[in-house]
């Protein structure tokens, strides 16, 4: 889920910092940017999942977090590789 992604991406950025001697503030900014992109894609996909034709159906609408997180990460990946 989200905590696993945060831990593994933080670990990746820490390794990049150590390996390439990047400036700490730049690494932190890039990490924050990645999280911002991911959150934005999560919000967009959640909104699409919750689109319903009838307002009464909104109460029954549910977003699957595991699917959402994975799909949003795939969307970020696709966008970055365009």
N, C-alpha and C. Protein backbone atom coordinates (compact mmCIF):
# COMPACT_ATOMS: atom_id res chain seq x y z
N UNK A 1 0.79 -1.18 0.00
CA UNK A 1 0.00 0.00 0.00
C UNK A 1 0.85 1.26 0.00
N UNK A 2 0.28 2.31 0.49
CA UNK A 2 0.93 3.62 0.47
C UNK A 2 2.20 3.66 1.31
N UNK A 3 2.17 3.03 2.48
CA UNK A 3 3.36 3.08 3.34
C UNK A 3 4.52 2.30 2.71
N UNK A 4 4.22 1.19 2.05
CA UNK A 4 5.27 0.43 1.37
C UNK A 4 5.89 1.26 0.25
N UNK A 5 5.05 1.93 -0.53
CA UNK A 5 5.56 2.79 -1.61
C UNK A 5 6.43 3.90 -1.04
N UNK A 6 5.97 4.53 0.03
CA UNK A 6 6.72 5.63 0.63
C UNK A 6 8.09 5.15 1.13
N UNK A 7 8.10 3.99 1.79
CA UNK A 7 9.36 3.46 2.32
C UNK A 7 10.32 3.08 1.20
N UNK A 8 9.82 2.39 0.17
CA UNK A 8 10.71 1.95 -0.89
C UNK A 8 11.20 3.12 -1.74
N UNK A 9 10.35 4.10 -1.98
CA UNK A 9 10.80 5.25 -2.76
C UNK A 9 11.77 6.12 -1.95
N UNK A 10 11.53 6.26 -0.65
CA UNK A 10 12.46 7.01 0.20
C UNK A 10 13.82 6.31 0.21
N UNK A 11 13.81 4.99 0.26
CA UNK A 11 15.04 4.22 0.23
C UNK A 11 15.77 4.42 -1.10
N UNK A 12 15.03 4.42 -2.19
CA UNK A 12 15.62 4.65 -3.51
C UNK A 12 16.28 6.02 -3.59
N UNK A 13 15.57 7.04 -3.13
CA UNK A 13 16.13 8.39 -3.19
C UNK A 13 17.35 8.52 -2.27
N UNK A 14 17.34 7.83 -1.14
CA UNK A 14 18.50 7.86 -0.24
C UNK A 14 19.70 7.20 -0.91
N UNK A 15 19.46 6.12 -1.63
CA UNK A 15 20.55 5.45 -2.36
C UNK A 15 21.10 6.35 -3.46
N UNK A 16 20.23 7.04 -4.17
CA UNK A 16 20.69 7.96 -5.21
C UNK A 16 21.52 9.09 -4.61
N UNK A 17 21.09 9.57 -3.45
CA UNK A 17 21.82 10.63 -2.75
C UNK A 17 23.24 10.17 -2.43
N UNK A 18 23.34 8.96 -1.85
CA UNK A 18 24.66 8.44 -1.45
C UNK A 18 25.52 8.09 -2.66
N UNK A 19 24.93 7.45 -3.64
CA UNK A 19 25.70 6.95 -4.79
C UNK A 19 26.23 8.08 -5.67
N UNK A 20 25.38 9.07 -5.94
CA UNK A 20 25.77 10.12 -6.87
C UNK A 20 26.10 11.44 -6.19
N UNK A 21 26.05 11.44 -4.86
CA UNK A 21 26.41 12.63 -4.08
C UNK A 21 25.56 13.85 -4.46
N UNK A 22 24.26 13.57 -4.67
CA UNK A 22 23.34 14.68 -4.94
C UNK A 22 23.20 15.54 -3.69
N UNK A 23 22.82 16.78 -3.88
CA UNK A 23 22.56 17.65 -2.74
C UNK A 23 21.29 17.18 -2.04
N UNK A 24 21.34 17.17 -0.72
CA UNK A 24 20.23 16.63 0.08
C UNK A 24 18.91 17.35 -0.21
N UNK A 25 18.95 18.67 -0.34
CA UNK A 25 17.72 19.43 -0.61
C UNK A 25 17.14 19.08 -1.97
N UNK A 26 17.99 18.84 -2.96
CA UNK A 26 17.50 18.47 -4.28
C UNK A 26 16.84 17.10 -4.26
N UNK A 27 17.44 16.17 -3.54
CA UNK A 27 16.86 14.83 -3.40
C UNK A 27 15.50 14.92 -2.73
N UNK A 28 15.42 15.70 -1.67
CA UNK A 28 14.16 15.86 -0.93
C UNK A 28 13.10 16.51 -1.83
N UNK A 29 13.49 17.51 -2.62
CA UNK A 29 12.54 18.16 -3.53
C UNK A 29 12.03 17.20 -4.59
N UNK A 30 12.91 16.38 -5.14
CA UNK A 30 12.49 15.41 -6.15
C UNK A 30 11.58 14.35 -5.55
N UNK A 31 11.88 13.92 -4.33
CA UNK A 31 11.02 12.96 -3.64
C UNK A 31 9.64 13.57 -3.39
N UNK A 32 9.60 14.80 -2.92
CA UNK A 32 8.33 15.49 -2.70
C UNK A 32 7.55 15.64 -4.00
N UNK A 33 8.26 15.92 -5.09
CA UNK A 33 7.62 16.05 -6.39
C UNK A 33 7.00 14.73 -6.83
N UNK A 34 7.72 13.62 -6.64
CA UNK A 34 7.17 12.31 -6.99
C UNK A 34 5.91 12.01 -6.18
N UNK A 35 5.95 12.28 -4.88
CA UNK A 35 4.77 12.05 -4.05
C UNK A 35 3.60 12.93 -4.47
N UNK A 36 3.89 14.16 -4.85
CA UNK A 36 2.86 15.08 -5.31
C UNK A 36 2.20 14.56 -6.59
N UNK A 37 3.02 14.09 -7.52
CA UNK A 37 2.48 13.52 -8.76
C UNK A 37 1.60 12.32 -8.46
N UNK A 38 2.07 11.45 -7.57
CA UNK A 38 1.32 10.24 -7.23
C UNK A 38 -0.01 10.59 -6.57
N UNK A 39 0.03 11.52 -5.63
CA UNK A 39 -1.22 11.95 -4.97
C UNK A 39 -2.20 12.54 -5.97
N UNK A 40 -1.69 13.33 -6.89
CA UNK A 40 -2.55 13.94 -7.90
C UNK A 40 -3.21 12.87 -8.76
N UNK A 41 -2.44 11.88 -9.18
CA UNK A 41 -3.01 10.80 -9.98
C UNK A 41 -4.00 9.97 -9.17
N UNK A 42 -3.72 9.76 -7.89
CA UNK A 42 -4.67 9.04 -7.02
C UNK A 42 -5.99 9.79 -6.95
N UNK A 43 -5.92 11.09 -6.76
CA UNK A 43 -7.14 11.90 -6.65
C UNK A 43 -7.94 11.87 -7.96
N UNK A 44 -7.24 11.98 -9.07
CA UNK A 44 -7.91 11.97 -10.37
C UNK A 44 -8.59 10.63 -10.61
N UNK A 45 -7.88 9.54 -10.35
CA UNK A 45 -8.47 8.21 -10.57
C UNK A 45 -9.60 7.93 -9.60
N UNK A 46 -9.47 8.40 -8.36
CA UNK A 46 -10.56 8.21 -7.39
C UNK A 46 -11.81 8.97 -7.84
N UNK A 47 -11.62 10.18 -8.35
CA UNK A 47 -12.76 10.94 -8.87
C UNK A 47 -13.43 10.20 -10.02
N UNK A 48 -12.64 9.61 -10.90
CA UNK A 48 -13.20 8.85 -12.01
C UNK A 48 -13.95 7.62 -11.52
N UNK A 49 -13.40 6.95 -10.50
CA UNK A 49 -14.07 5.78 -9.92
C UNK A 49 -15.39 6.15 -9.27
N UNK A 50 -15.47 7.37 -8.73
CA UNK A 50 -16.68 7.79 -8.02
C UNK A 50 -17.70 8.47 -8.91
N UNK A 51 -17.39 8.61 -10.21
CA UNK A 51 -18.36 9.21 -11.12
C UNK A 51 -19.58 8.31 -11.20
N UNK A 52 -20.71 8.89 -10.89
CA UNK A 52 -21.98 8.16 -10.96
C UNK A 52 -23.00 9.03 -11.67
N UNK A 53 -23.99 8.38 -12.25
CA UNK A 53 -25.01 9.11 -12.98
C UNK A 53 -26.05 9.73 -12.04
N UNK A 54 -26.25 9.11 -10.92
CA UNK A 54 -27.30 9.54 -10.00
C UNK A 54 -26.69 9.88 -8.65
N UNK A 55 -27.02 11.04 -8.08
CA UNK A 55 -26.48 11.47 -6.79
C UNK A 55 -26.74 10.44 -5.69
N UNK A 56 -27.84 9.72 -5.76
CA UNK A 56 -28.16 8.74 -4.73
C UNK A 56 -27.16 7.58 -4.74
N UNK A 57 -26.59 7.29 -5.91
CA UNK A 57 -25.61 6.21 -6.01
C UNK A 57 -24.28 6.59 -5.39
N UNK A 58 -24.04 7.87 -5.15
CA UNK A 58 -22.77 8.33 -4.60
C UNK A 58 -22.52 7.75 -3.21
N UNK A 59 -23.57 7.57 -2.43
CA UNK A 59 -23.41 7.01 -1.09
C UNK A 59 -22.88 5.58 -1.13
N UNK A 60 -23.16 4.86 -2.20
CA UNK A 60 -22.74 3.47 -2.33
C UNK A 60 -21.40 3.33 -3.07
N UNK A 61 -20.87 4.43 -3.59
CA UNK A 61 -19.63 4.38 -4.36
C UNK A 61 -18.44 4.12 -3.43
N UNK A 62 -17.56 3.23 -3.85
CA UNK A 62 -16.40 2.86 -3.06
C UNK A 62 -15.18 2.83 -3.96
N UNK A 63 -14.06 3.28 -3.43
CA UNK A 63 -12.79 3.23 -4.16
C UNK A 63 -11.91 2.17 -3.50
N UNK A 64 -11.41 1.25 -4.30
CA UNK A 64 -10.51 0.22 -3.80
C UNK A 64 -9.12 0.82 -3.69
N UNK A 65 -8.62 0.99 -2.47
CA UNK A 65 -7.35 1.68 -2.25
C UNK A 65 -6.18 0.96 -2.90
N UNK A 66 -6.12 -0.37 -2.76
CA UNK A 66 -4.99 -1.09 -3.34
C UNK A 66 -4.95 -0.95 -4.85
N UNK A 67 -6.10 -1.07 -5.48
CA UNK A 67 -6.17 -0.91 -6.93
C UNK A 67 -5.84 0.53 -7.32
N UNK A 68 -6.38 1.47 -6.57
CA UNK A 68 -6.16 2.89 -6.85
C UNK A 68 -4.68 3.24 -6.79
N UNK A 69 -3.99 2.82 -5.73
CA UNK A 69 -2.58 3.14 -5.56
C UNK A 69 -1.75 2.57 -6.70
N UNK A 70 -2.05 1.33 -7.07
CA UNK A 70 -1.31 0.67 -8.16
C UNK A 70 -1.58 1.35 -9.50
N UNK A 71 -2.84 1.63 -9.79
CA UNK A 71 -3.20 2.27 -11.06
C UNK A 71 -2.61 3.68 -11.14
N UNK A 72 -2.62 4.40 -10.04
CA UNK A 72 -2.07 5.76 -10.04
C UNK A 72 -0.56 5.72 -10.26
N UNK A 73 0.11 4.76 -9.64
CA UNK A 73 1.55 4.64 -9.85
C UNK A 73 1.86 4.30 -11.31
N UNK A 74 1.06 3.42 -11.90
CA UNK A 74 1.23 3.11 -13.33
C UNK A 74 1.00 4.35 -14.19
N UNK A 75 0.02 5.17 -13.82
CA UNK A 75 -0.25 6.40 -14.58
C UNK A 75 0.91 7.39 -14.47
N UNK A 76 1.48 7.50 -13.28
CA UNK A 76 2.65 8.38 -13.10
C UNK A 76 3.81 7.87 -13.96
N UNK A 77 4.02 6.58 -13.91
CA UNK A 77 5.10 5.97 -14.68
C UNK A 77 4.91 6.23 -16.18
N UNK A 78 3.70 6.03 -16.66
CA UNK A 78 3.42 6.27 -18.08
C UNK A 78 3.63 7.74 -18.45
N UNK A 79 3.19 8.63 -17.58
CA UNK A 79 3.34 10.06 -17.85
C UNK A 79 4.81 10.48 -17.90
N UNK A 80 5.60 9.94 -16.99
CA UNK A 80 7.01 10.30 -16.95
C UNK A 80 7.79 9.76 -18.14
N UNK A 81 7.31 8.66 -18.72
CA UNK A 81 8.00 8.06 -19.86
C UNK A 81 7.45 8.50 -21.20
N UNK A 82 6.50 9.41 -21.21
CA UNK A 82 5.93 9.89 -22.48
C UNK A 82 6.99 10.57 -23.30
